[in-house]
Amino acid sequence: MPDAAPHAAVPPRPVRTLDEHAAAVLALAGPTPVQAVPLADALGLALATDVASTVDLPPWDNSAMDGYALRATDLVAGAVLDVADDVPAGDTRSVHVPAGAAVRIMTGAPLPAGADTVLPVERTDGGTGRVRVDDVVAAGAHVRRRGEDVRAGQVLLRAGDVLGAGALGLLAATGHARVDVHRRPRVAVVSTGSELVAAGQPLAHGQIHESNGVQLAAAARAAGAEVVDVVVVPDDVRAVQDALAALAARADLVVTTGGVSVGAYDVVRDALTAVGAAELVHVRVQPGRPQATGRLADGTPVVALPGNPVSAFVSFEVFVRPLVRHMLGASRTRRRTLRARLVGEVRSPQGRRQLLRGALDLSGPEPRVAAVGGPGSHLLGALATADALIDLPEPVTHVTPGQTVTVIDLREHDA
């Protein structure tokens, strides 16, 4: 027999709103330590400090077109000018344009001294020794001025900004080889259940394939974490205690799934109480009513989620993901929300905030969303197609087609 909790009366648990529990989870940990990393290793990390440009961008006046650099006073239709020099991109010489002449120039090349305008090659005969002006342009045309994009000393990015490809390109262009960022939070996942069997293994009667560990590890990585381990343990208090103790030294955060309800074999509840401080609550939300937080003996925070797959998925999104983003140092910890027209109708239990899986449609003049999958927290079939959560407040029990609802956008982006 597994080491189950005794069939003793379970004291009533505190009841929280979703927002109250989210705040309690967010308070479990702060941002991770700061480290300087090369730009190549900084994708998806959050800046620890503001970053300013070290140079003007562009660093000098340059050509926006392939053509001829010249003086605007020499621009006369039909005029023929001597081509005094060629300036390709990357030319480091100091070149001068005499009056009555032109310099052939390539896009991005420094503008020669004396020139104030670039005439595109399409408006000439394309000559190399001499060039004919077929059409004129305005004075100053096709010149990128020094510092017109960014000035040296200008703040480019703020502490808490998460670095994407565009931000990394900007940092490189303005002279930064390394940046100070918060390191990725190290997250361990513990999936509990004596019925769990690894994917790919045959199932005996009463067994199911383990999925929560796979799902939550992927969600943690997508949120910016480094997943240090995924452990599957049976419904045995000692086994859970041993797993938690082993992970404490390696993880900044431990996330468990299963075993937090009030059943005799909900062993995470008892293991958390035995190895550290634990707070078990009921949250007025569906799915995901039973929740727990705690700390191991060394202070490592633990967030314990329900074991039903949909409950675990939704609970991670609204409780754990914001904490991971906060530990990452991101200024925005929550996903964006939007308003959308409901396709079909939905019902919600009285007094509980409902988070329904949904499919967003942004192809029309206004966003639309349809509920996918049933309300049961065990129904995995539609989880892969859901790219939103329909967020129905506690007082709402019925929403009709065409009504506007709040939607949490689950599609991958910075927050």
Protein backbone atom coordinates (compact mmCIF):
# COMPACT_ATOMS: atom_id res chain seq x y z
CA MET A 1 0.00 0.00 0.00
CA PRO A 2 1.27 3.50 -0.75
CA ASP A 3 1.94 5.86 2.12
CA ALA A 4 -1.39 7.67 1.89
CA ALA A 5 -2.67 10.33 4.18
CA PRO A 6 -4.96 9.04 6.92
CA HIS A 7 -8.68 9.45 6.50
CA ALA A 8 -8.87 12.26 9.02
CA ALA A 9 -11.14 15.25 8.85
CA VAL A 10 -9.59 17.94 6.65
CA PRO A 11 -9.95 21.46 8.07
CA PRO A 12 -11.69 24.03 5.90
CA ARG A 13 -9.36 25.84 3.54
CA PRO A 14 -9.18 29.59 3.02
CA VAL A 15 -11.03 30.73 -0.09
CA ARG A 16 -9.45 33.24 -2.48
CA THR A 17 -10.32 34.98 -5.67
CA LEU A 18 -8.15 34.33 -8.70
CA ASP A 19 -6.49 37.73 -8.35
CA GLU A 20 -5.78 37.19 -4.65
CA HIS A 21 -4.09 33.86 -5.30
CA ALA A 22 -2.17 35.23 -8.28
CA ALA A 23 -0.80 37.99 -6.02
CA ALA A 24 0.18 35.43 -3.37
CA VAL A 25 2.05 33.33 -5.94
CA LEU A 26 3.78 36.39 -7.42
CA ALA A 27 5.08 37.31 -3.97
CA LEU A 28 6.93 33.98 -3.59
CA ALA A 29 10.08 35.12 -5.39
CA GLY A 30 11.84 38.13 -6.88
CA PRO A 31 14.00 38.54 -9.99
CA THR A 32 16.96 36.20 -10.40
CA PRO A 33 20.60 37.41 -10.12
CA VAL A 34 22.09 39.65 -12.82
CA GLN A 35 24.74 38.45 -15.22
CA ALA A 36 26.47 39.93 -18.27
CA VAL A 37 26.00 37.78 -21.38
CA PRO A 38 26.96 38.09 -25.07
CA LEU A 39 24.15 39.19 -27.35
CA ALA A 40 24.09 35.72 -28.90
CA ASP A 41 22.98 34.30 -25.53
CA ALA A 42 20.51 37.05 -24.61
CA LEU A 43 17.46 36.16 -26.71
CA GLY A 44 14.36 36.01 -24.51
CA LEU A 45 16.10 37.40 -21.44
CA ALA A 46 15.10 40.60 -19.62
CA LEU A 47 17.40 43.57 -19.23
CA ALA A 48 18.54 44.34 -15.70
CA THR A 49 19.43 47.97 -16.50
CA ASP A 50 18.54 50.65 -19.01
CA VAL A 51 20.78 50.57 -22.09
CA ALA A 52 21.89 53.68 -24.00
CA SER A 53 23.49 53.96 -27.42
CA THR A 54 27.28 54.34 -27.61
CA VAL A 55 27.14 55.93 -31.09
CA ASP A 56 25.03 58.04 -33.38
CA LEU A 57 23.00 55.95 -35.80
CA PRO A 58 23.77 56.41 -38.65
CA PRO A 59 27.29 57.32 -37.48
CA TRP A 60 27.74 59.64 -40.48
CA ASP A 61 25.70 61.09 -43.36
CA ASN A 62 25.25 58.34 -45.94
CA SER A 63 23.44 57.51 -49.13
CA ALA A 64 19.98 55.95 -49.13
CA MET A 65 20.24 54.96 -52.81
CA ASP A 66 22.65 53.69 -55.44
CA GLY A 67 23.38 56.75 -57.57
CA TYR A 68 25.49 59.90 -57.63
CA ALA A 69 26.43 62.21 -54.77
CA LEU A 70 26.59 65.83 -55.86
CA ARG A 71 25.74 69.41 -55.01
CA ALA A 72 22.09 70.40 -55.43
CA THR A 73 23.21 73.54 -57.29
CA ASP A 74 24.60 71.30 -60.07
CA LEU A 75 21.28 69.49 -60.57
CA VAL A 76 20.01 70.62 -63.94
CA ALA A 77 18.09 68.36 -66.31
CA GLY A 78 20.31 67.50 -69.29
CA ALA A 79 23.53 68.53 -67.53
CA VAL A 80 26.56 66.26 -67.98
CA LEU A 81 28.90 65.99 -64.97
CA ASP A 82 32.32 64.47 -64.55
CA VAL A 83 32.36 61.39 -62.26
CA ALA A 84 35.18 62.26 -59.87
CA ASP A 85 35.28 59.06 -57.82
CA ASP A 86 33.47 55.88 -56.75
CA VAL A 87 32.42 55.34 -53.11
CA PRO A 88 31.13 51.82 -52.29
CA ALA A 89 29.74 50.83 -48.90
CA GLY A 90 32.63 50.22 -46.50
CA ASP A 91 34.94 52.80 -48.14
CA THR A 92 36.85 54.51 -45.31
CA ARG A 93 38.54 57.22 -47.42
CA SER A 94 37.73 60.91 -47.11
CA VAL A 95 36.27 61.81 -50.51
CA HIS A 96 35.37 65.30 -51.80
CA VAL A 97 32.94 66.28 -54.56
CA PRO A 98 34.19 69.26 -56.60
CA ALA A 99 31.67 71.79 -57.92
CA GLY A 100 30.28 70.70 -61.27
CA ALA A 101 31.08 67.03 -60.68
CA ALA A 102 29.54 63.93 -59.09
CA VAL A 103 30.75 60.90 -57.19
CA ARG A 104 29.22 57.52 -57.95
CA ILE A 105 27.96 56.13 -54.63
CA MET A 106 26.35 52.95 -53.32
CA THR A 107 23.60 52.56 -50.72
CA GLY A 108 24.99 52.98 -47.20
CA ALA A 109 28.28 54.57 -48.28
CA PRO A 110 29.43 57.77 -46.51
CA LEU A 111 28.35 60.97 -48.23
CA PRO A 112 31.42 62.73 -49.67
CA ALA A 113 32.35 66.16 -48.39
CA GLY A 114 30.77 68.90 -50.49
CA ALA A 115 27.78 66.77 -51.52
CA ASP A 116 24.31 67.41 -50.12
CA THR A 117 22.11 65.32 -52.43
CA VAL A 118 22.03 61.85 -53.99
CA LEU A 119 20.63 61.45 -57.50
CA PRO A 120 19.37 57.84 -58.00
CA VAL A 121 21.04 55.99 -60.86
CA GLU A 122 17.57 55.47 -62.43
CA ARG A 123 17.43 59.23 -63.12
CA THR A 124 20.70 59.22 -65.09
CA ASP A 125 22.30 57.46 -68.03
CA GLY A 126 24.38 55.41 -65.56
CA GLY A 127 27.69 56.74 -66.83
CA THR A 128 31.02 55.91 -65.14
CA GLY A 129 33.37 58.59 -66.51
CA ARG A 130 30.70 61.18 -67.12
CA VAL A 131 27.02 61.08 -66.18
CA ARG A 132 24.00 62.78 -67.72
CA VAL A 133 21.22 64.11 -65.46
CA ASP A 134 17.94 62.91 -66.96
CA ASP A 135 15.69 64.08 -64.11
CA VAL A 136 16.21 66.18 -61.01
CA VAL A 137 15.38 65.58 -57.34
CA ALA A 138 14.89 67.97 -54.42
CA ALA A 139 17.94 69.30 -52.60
CA GLY A 140 18.94 66.92 -49.79
CA ALA A 141 17.09 63.96 -51.33
CA HIS A 142 18.13 60.38 -50.53
CA VAL A 143 20.57 61.34 -47.78
CA ARG A 144 20.44 59.68 -44.36
CA ARG A 145 21.66 62.21 -41.83
CA ARG A 146 23.99 61.35 -38.96
CA GLY A 147 22.02 60.52 -35.81
CA GLU A 148 18.62 60.82 -37.50
CA ASP A 149 17.71 57.36 -36.13
CA VAL A 150 19.50 57.27 -32.75
CA ARG A 151 21.73 59.73 -30.91
CA ALA A 152 24.72 58.70 -28.78
CA GLY A 153 23.58 58.55 -25.15
CA GLN A 154 19.92 58.00 -26.08
CA VAL A 155 18.22 55.32 -23.99
CA LEU A 156 17.34 52.46 -26.34
CA LEU A 157 15.78 49.90 -24.01
CA ARG A 158 14.59 49.91 -20.42
CA ALA A 159 15.24 47.53 -17.55
CA GLY A 160 12.60 44.81 -17.75
CA ASP A 161 12.40 44.81 -21.53
CA VAL A 162 12.58 41.27 -22.90
CA LEU A 163 15.09 40.98 -25.72
CA GLY A 164 13.76 39.85 -29.07
CA ALA A 165 15.50 39.72 -32.44
CA GLY A 166 14.85 43.38 -33.23
CA ALA A 167 16.16 44.57 -29.86
CA LEU A 168 19.31 42.47 -30.22
CA GLY A 169 19.91 43.89 -33.69
CA LEU A 170 19.56 47.43 -32.32
CA LEU A 171 22.00 46.70 -29.49
CA ALA A 172 24.58 45.34 -31.91
CA ALA A 173 24.14 48.29 -34.28
CA THR A 174 24.75 50.73 -31.43
CA GLY A 175 27.96 49.13 -30.24
CA HIS A 176 26.91 46.70 -27.50
CA ALA A 177 28.56 43.28 -27.43
CA ARG A 178 27.24 42.22 -24.00
CA VAL A 179 24.25 43.17 -21.85
CA ASP A 180 23.29 42.84 -18.19
CA VAL A 181 20.29 40.54 -17.86
CA HIS A 182 18.59 38.43 -15.23
CA ARG A 183 19.51 34.79 -15.67
CA ARG A 184 16.78 32.36 -16.55
CA PRO A 185 14.89 31.09 -13.49
CA ARG A 186 15.59 27.42 -12.86
CA VAL A 187 12.34 25.50 -12.62
CA ALA A 188 11.76 21.88 -11.63
CA VAL A 189 8.49 20.05 -12.29
CA VAL A 190 7.15 17.21 -10.14
CA SER A 191 4.24 15.22 -11.54
CA THR A 192 2.54 12.93 -9.05
CA GLY A 193 0.35 9.89 -9.48
CA SER A 194 0.75 6.14 -9.13
CA GLU A 195 -1.30 5.72 -12.30
CA LEU A 196 1.28 7.55 -14.47
CA VAL A 197 3.33 5.76 -17.12
CA ALA A 198 5.86 7.37 -19.45
CA ALA A 199 4.69 8.08 -22.99
CA GLY A 200 5.59 5.23 -25.32
CA GLN A 201 5.21 2.57 -22.63
CA PRO A 202 2.32 0.07 -22.66
CA LEU A 203 -0.60 0.80 -20.36
CA ALA A 204 -2.02 -1.64 -17.84
CA HIS A 205 -5.59 -1.35 -16.64
CA GLY A 206 -5.93 1.79 -14.50
CA GLN A 207 -2.84 3.49 -15.91
CA ILE A 208 -2.51 6.61 -18.10
CA HIS A 209 0.38 8.23 -19.91
CA GLU A 210 2.05 11.02 -17.99
CA SER A 211 1.42 14.38 -19.71
CA ASN A 212 1.44 17.10 -17.08
CA GLY A 213 5.21 17.01 -16.64
CA VAL A 214 5.75 17.31 -20.38
CA GLN A 215 3.15 20.06 -20.69
CA LEU A 216 4.32 22.16 -17.73
CA ALA A 217 8.00 21.84 -18.62
CA ALA A 218 7.22 23.12 -22.11
CA ALA A 219 5.13 25.97 -20.69
CA ALA A 220 7.94 26.92 -18.30
CA ARG A 221 10.50 26.99 -21.12
CA ALA A 222 8.14 29.07 -23.28
CA ALA A 223 7.83 31.52 -20.38
CA GLY A 224 11.60 31.93 -20.27
CA ALA A 225 12.67 29.41 -17.64
CA GLU A 226 15.43 26.83 -17.68
CA VAL A 227 13.85 23.51 -16.74
CA VAL A 228 16.37 21.64 -14.61
CA ASP A 229 14.36 18.46 -14.12
CA VAL A 230 10.98 16.78 -14.63
CA VAL A 231 10.29 14.10 -12.01
CA VAL A 232 7.38 11.65 -11.91
CA VAL A 233 6.64 10.15 -8.49
CA PRO A 234 3.94 7.81 -7.18
CA ASP A 235 1.29 8.75 -4.61
CA ASP A 236 3.60 8.23 -1.70
CA VAL A 237 4.37 10.95 0.84
CA ARG A 238 7.96 9.82 1.36
CA ALA A 239 8.64 9.68 -2.39
CA VAL A 240 7.30 13.21 -2.83
CA GLN A 241 9.33 14.46 0.13
CA ASP A 242 12.50 12.91 -1.27
CA ALA A 243 11.86 14.41 -4.71
CA LEU A 244 11.29 17.87 -3.29
CA ALA A 245 14.39 17.69 -1.11
CA ALA A 246 16.54 16.57 -4.05
CA LEU A 247 15.32 19.42 -6.26
CA ALA A 248 15.61 22.20 -3.69
CA ALA A 249 19.33 22.80 -4.21
CA ARG A 250 19.00 22.92 -8.01
CA ALA A 251 15.85 24.93 -8.59
CA ASP A 252 14.72 28.49 -7.98
CA LEU A 253 11.12 27.28 -8.17
CA VAL A 254 9.44 23.88 -7.91
CA VAL A 255 6.08 23.31 -9.59
CA THR A 256 4.09 20.22 -8.65
CA THR A 257 0.96 18.84 -10.20
CA GLY A 258 -1.58 16.56 -8.54
CA GLY A 259 -2.13 15.67 -4.92
CA VAL A 260 -3.40 19.01 -3.58
CA SER A 261 -7.07 18.26 -3.13
CA VAL A 262 -8.73 16.71 -0.08
CA GLY A 263 -8.59 13.02 -0.98
CA ALA A 264 -6.82 10.34 1.04
CA TYR A 265 -4.11 9.97 -1.63
CA ASP A 266 -3.49 13.70 -2.21
CA VAL A 267 0.05 13.32 -0.91
CA VAL A 268 1.60 16.59 -2.09
CA ARG A 269 -0.50 18.32 0.53
CA ASP A 270 1.06 16.19 3.28
CA ALA A 271 4.57 16.21 1.84
CA LEU A 272 4.63 20.01 1.61
CA THR A 273 3.44 20.33 5.18
CA ALA A 274 6.15 17.92 6.32
CA VAL A 275 9.16 19.47 4.55
CA GLY A 276 8.37 23.17 4.89
CA ALA A 277 5.72 25.84 5.10
CA ALA A 278 2.55 25.22 3.10
CA GLU A 279 -0.63 27.15 2.42
CA LEU A 280 -3.49 25.18 0.92
CA VAL A 281 -6.41 27.17 -0.46
CA HIS A 282 -9.48 26.97 -2.61
CA VAL A 283 -9.67 29.50 -5.42
CA ARG A 284 -13.01 30.64 -6.80
CA VAL A 285 -12.09 29.64 -10.33
CA GLN A 286 -12.97 26.86 -12.77
CA PRO A 287 -10.90 24.90 -13.58
CA GLY A 288 -8.30 24.88 -10.83
CA ARG A 289 -10.10 25.21 -7.49
CA PRO A 290 -7.56 23.40 -5.22
CA GLN A 291 -4.21 25.21 -5.11
CA ALA A 292 -1.25 25.37 -2.77
CA THR A 293 1.93 27.32 -2.23
CA GLY A 294 4.80 26.65 0.09
CA ARG A 295 8.49 26.80 0.80
CA LEU A 296 10.92 23.96 1.28
CA ALA A 297 13.27 23.88 4.24
CA ASP A 298 15.89 25.92 2.38
CA GLY A 299 13.33 28.54 1.32
CA THR A 300 12.81 27.33 -2.24
CA PRO A 301 9.27 28.31 -3.29
CA VAL A 302 6.79 25.66 -4.39
CA VAL A 303 3.60 26.15 -6.37
CA ALA A 304 1.32 23.11 -6.27
CA LEU A 305 -1.26 22.78 -9.04
CA PRO A 306 -4.17 20.38 -9.52
CA GLY A 307 -3.55 17.14 -11.38
CA ASN A 308 -6.24 17.25 -14.03
CA PRO A 309 -4.46 18.26 -17.26
CA VAL A 310 -6.66 21.21 -18.18
CA SER A 311 -6.61 22.48 -14.60
CA ALA A 312 -2.82 22.23 -14.58
CA PHE A 313 -2.54 24.04 -17.92
CA VAL A 314 -4.87 26.89 -16.96
CA SER A 315 -3.41 27.19 -13.46
CA PHE A 316 0.10 27.49 -14.88
CA GLU A 317 -1.04 30.24 -17.25
CA VAL A 318 -2.71 32.43 -14.64
CA PHE A 319 -0.57 31.69 -11.57
CA VAL A 320 2.86 30.26 -12.45
CA ARG A 321 3.66 31.95 -15.75
CA PRO A 322 3.45 35.46 -14.26
CA LEU A 323 5.80 34.34 -11.46
CA VAL A 324 8.31 32.93 -13.96
CA ARG A 325 8.21 36.19 -15.94
CA HIS A 326 8.67 38.15 -12.71
CA MET A 327 11.67 36.03 -11.76
CA LEU A 328 13.03 36.58 -15.27
CA GLY A 329 12.92 40.32 -14.54
CA ALA A 330 10.34 41.12 -17.21
CA SER A 331 8.41 44.35 -16.70
CA ARG A 332 5.30 42.76 -18.21
CA THR A 333 4.42 39.53 -16.46
CA ARG A 334 0.94 38.85 -17.84
CA ARG A 335 -0.20 38.01 -21.31
CA ARG A 336 -2.13 40.62 -23.20
CA THR A 337 -5.91 40.59 -23.11
CA LEU A 338 -8.40 41.75 -25.70
CA ARG A 339 -12.11 41.99 -26.19
CA ALA A 340 -13.75 39.65 -28.70
CA ARG A 341 -17.22 38.72 -29.91
CA LEU A 342 -18.33 35.31 -28.68
CA VAL A 343 -19.25 32.68 -31.26
CA GLY A 344 -21.90 30.39 -29.79
CA GLU A 345 -23.05 30.56 -26.19
CA VAL A 346 -21.37 29.55 -22.94
CA ARG A 347 -22.50 29.00 -19.37
CA SER A 348 -20.53 29.47 -16.19
CA PRO A 349 -21.10 28.34 -12.58
CA GLN A 350 -22.39 30.92 -10.15
CA GLY A 351 -19.71 32.45 -7.92
CA ARG A 352 -16.67 31.08 -9.77
CA ARG A 353 -14.52 32.80 -12.35
CA GLN A 354 -14.55 30.64 -15.46
CA LEU A 355 -11.57 30.28 -17.78
CA LEU A 356 -12.68 28.51 -20.94
CA ARG A 357 -10.33 27.37 -23.66
CA GLY A 358 -10.99 29.30 -26.83
CA ALA A 359 -10.00 29.68 -30.48
CA LEU A 360 -9.36 33.24 -31.65
CA ASP A 361 -10.31 34.50 -35.09
CA LEU A 362 -8.64 37.79 -36.01
CA SER A 363 -9.42 37.67 -39.73
CA GLY A 364 -12.48 39.91 -39.63
CA PRO A 365 -13.09 43.55 -38.74
CA GLU A 366 -13.17 42.68 -35.02
CA PRO A 367 -11.82 39.74 -33.01
CA ARG A 368 -14.06 36.72 -32.53
CA VAL A 369 -13.62 33.78 -30.16
CA ALA A 370 -15.27 30.39 -29.85
CA ALA A 371 -15.09 28.03 -26.89
CA VAL A 372 -13.33 24.74 -27.69
CA GLY A 373 -13.55 21.53 -25.69
CA GLY A 374 -15.94 20.80 -22.87
CA PRO A 375 -15.87 22.27 -19.38
CA GLY A 376 -14.38 19.16 -17.76
CA SER A 377 -10.87 19.65 -16.38
CA HIS A 378 -9.82 16.22 -17.68
CA LEU A 379 -10.71 16.89 -21.34
CA LEU A 380 -7.41 17.16 -23.20
CA GLY A 381 -8.67 16.79 -26.76
CA ALA A 382 -9.02 20.50 -27.57
CA LEU A 383 -6.02 21.73 -25.58
CA ALA A 384 -3.71 21.77 -28.59
CA THR A 385 -6.09 23.92 -30.66
CA ALA A 386 -6.79 26.48 -27.94
CA ASP A 387 -4.92 29.75 -28.40
CA ALA A 388 -6.93 31.78 -25.88
CA LEU A 389 -8.71 31.64 -22.56
CA ILE A 390 -12.19 33.17 -22.35
CA ASP A 391 -12.26 34.97 -19.00
CA LEU A 392 -15.76 35.11 -17.48
CA PRO A 393 -16.13 37.06 -14.18
CA GLU A 394 -17.67 35.42 -11.12
CA PRO A 395 -21.14 37.02 -11.45
CA VAL A 396 -21.56 35.89 -15.09
CA THR A 397 -23.50 32.65 -15.60
CA HIS A 398 -24.56 32.89 -19.24
CA VAL A 399 -23.11 34.62 -22.31
CA THR A 400 -25.05 34.65 -25.58
CA PRO A 401 -23.64 34.68 -29.13
CA GLY A 402 -22.34 38.08 -30.21
CA GLN A 403 -21.68 39.38 -26.71
CA THR A 404 -18.23 40.80 -26.04
CA VAL A 405 -15.98 38.86 -23.67
CA THR A 406 -12.47 39.31 -22.29
CA VAL A 407 -9.92 36.98 -23.84
CA ILE A 408 -6.42 36.09 -22.62
CA ASP A 409 -4.23 35.70 -25.73
CA LEU A 410 -2.09 32.54 -25.42
CA ARG A 411 -0.21 32.92 -28.68
CA GLU A 412 3.52 33.12 -28.16
CA HIS A 413 4.93 36.62 -27.66
CA ASP A 414 7.04 38.43 -25.08
CA ALA A 415 4.38 38.40 -22.34
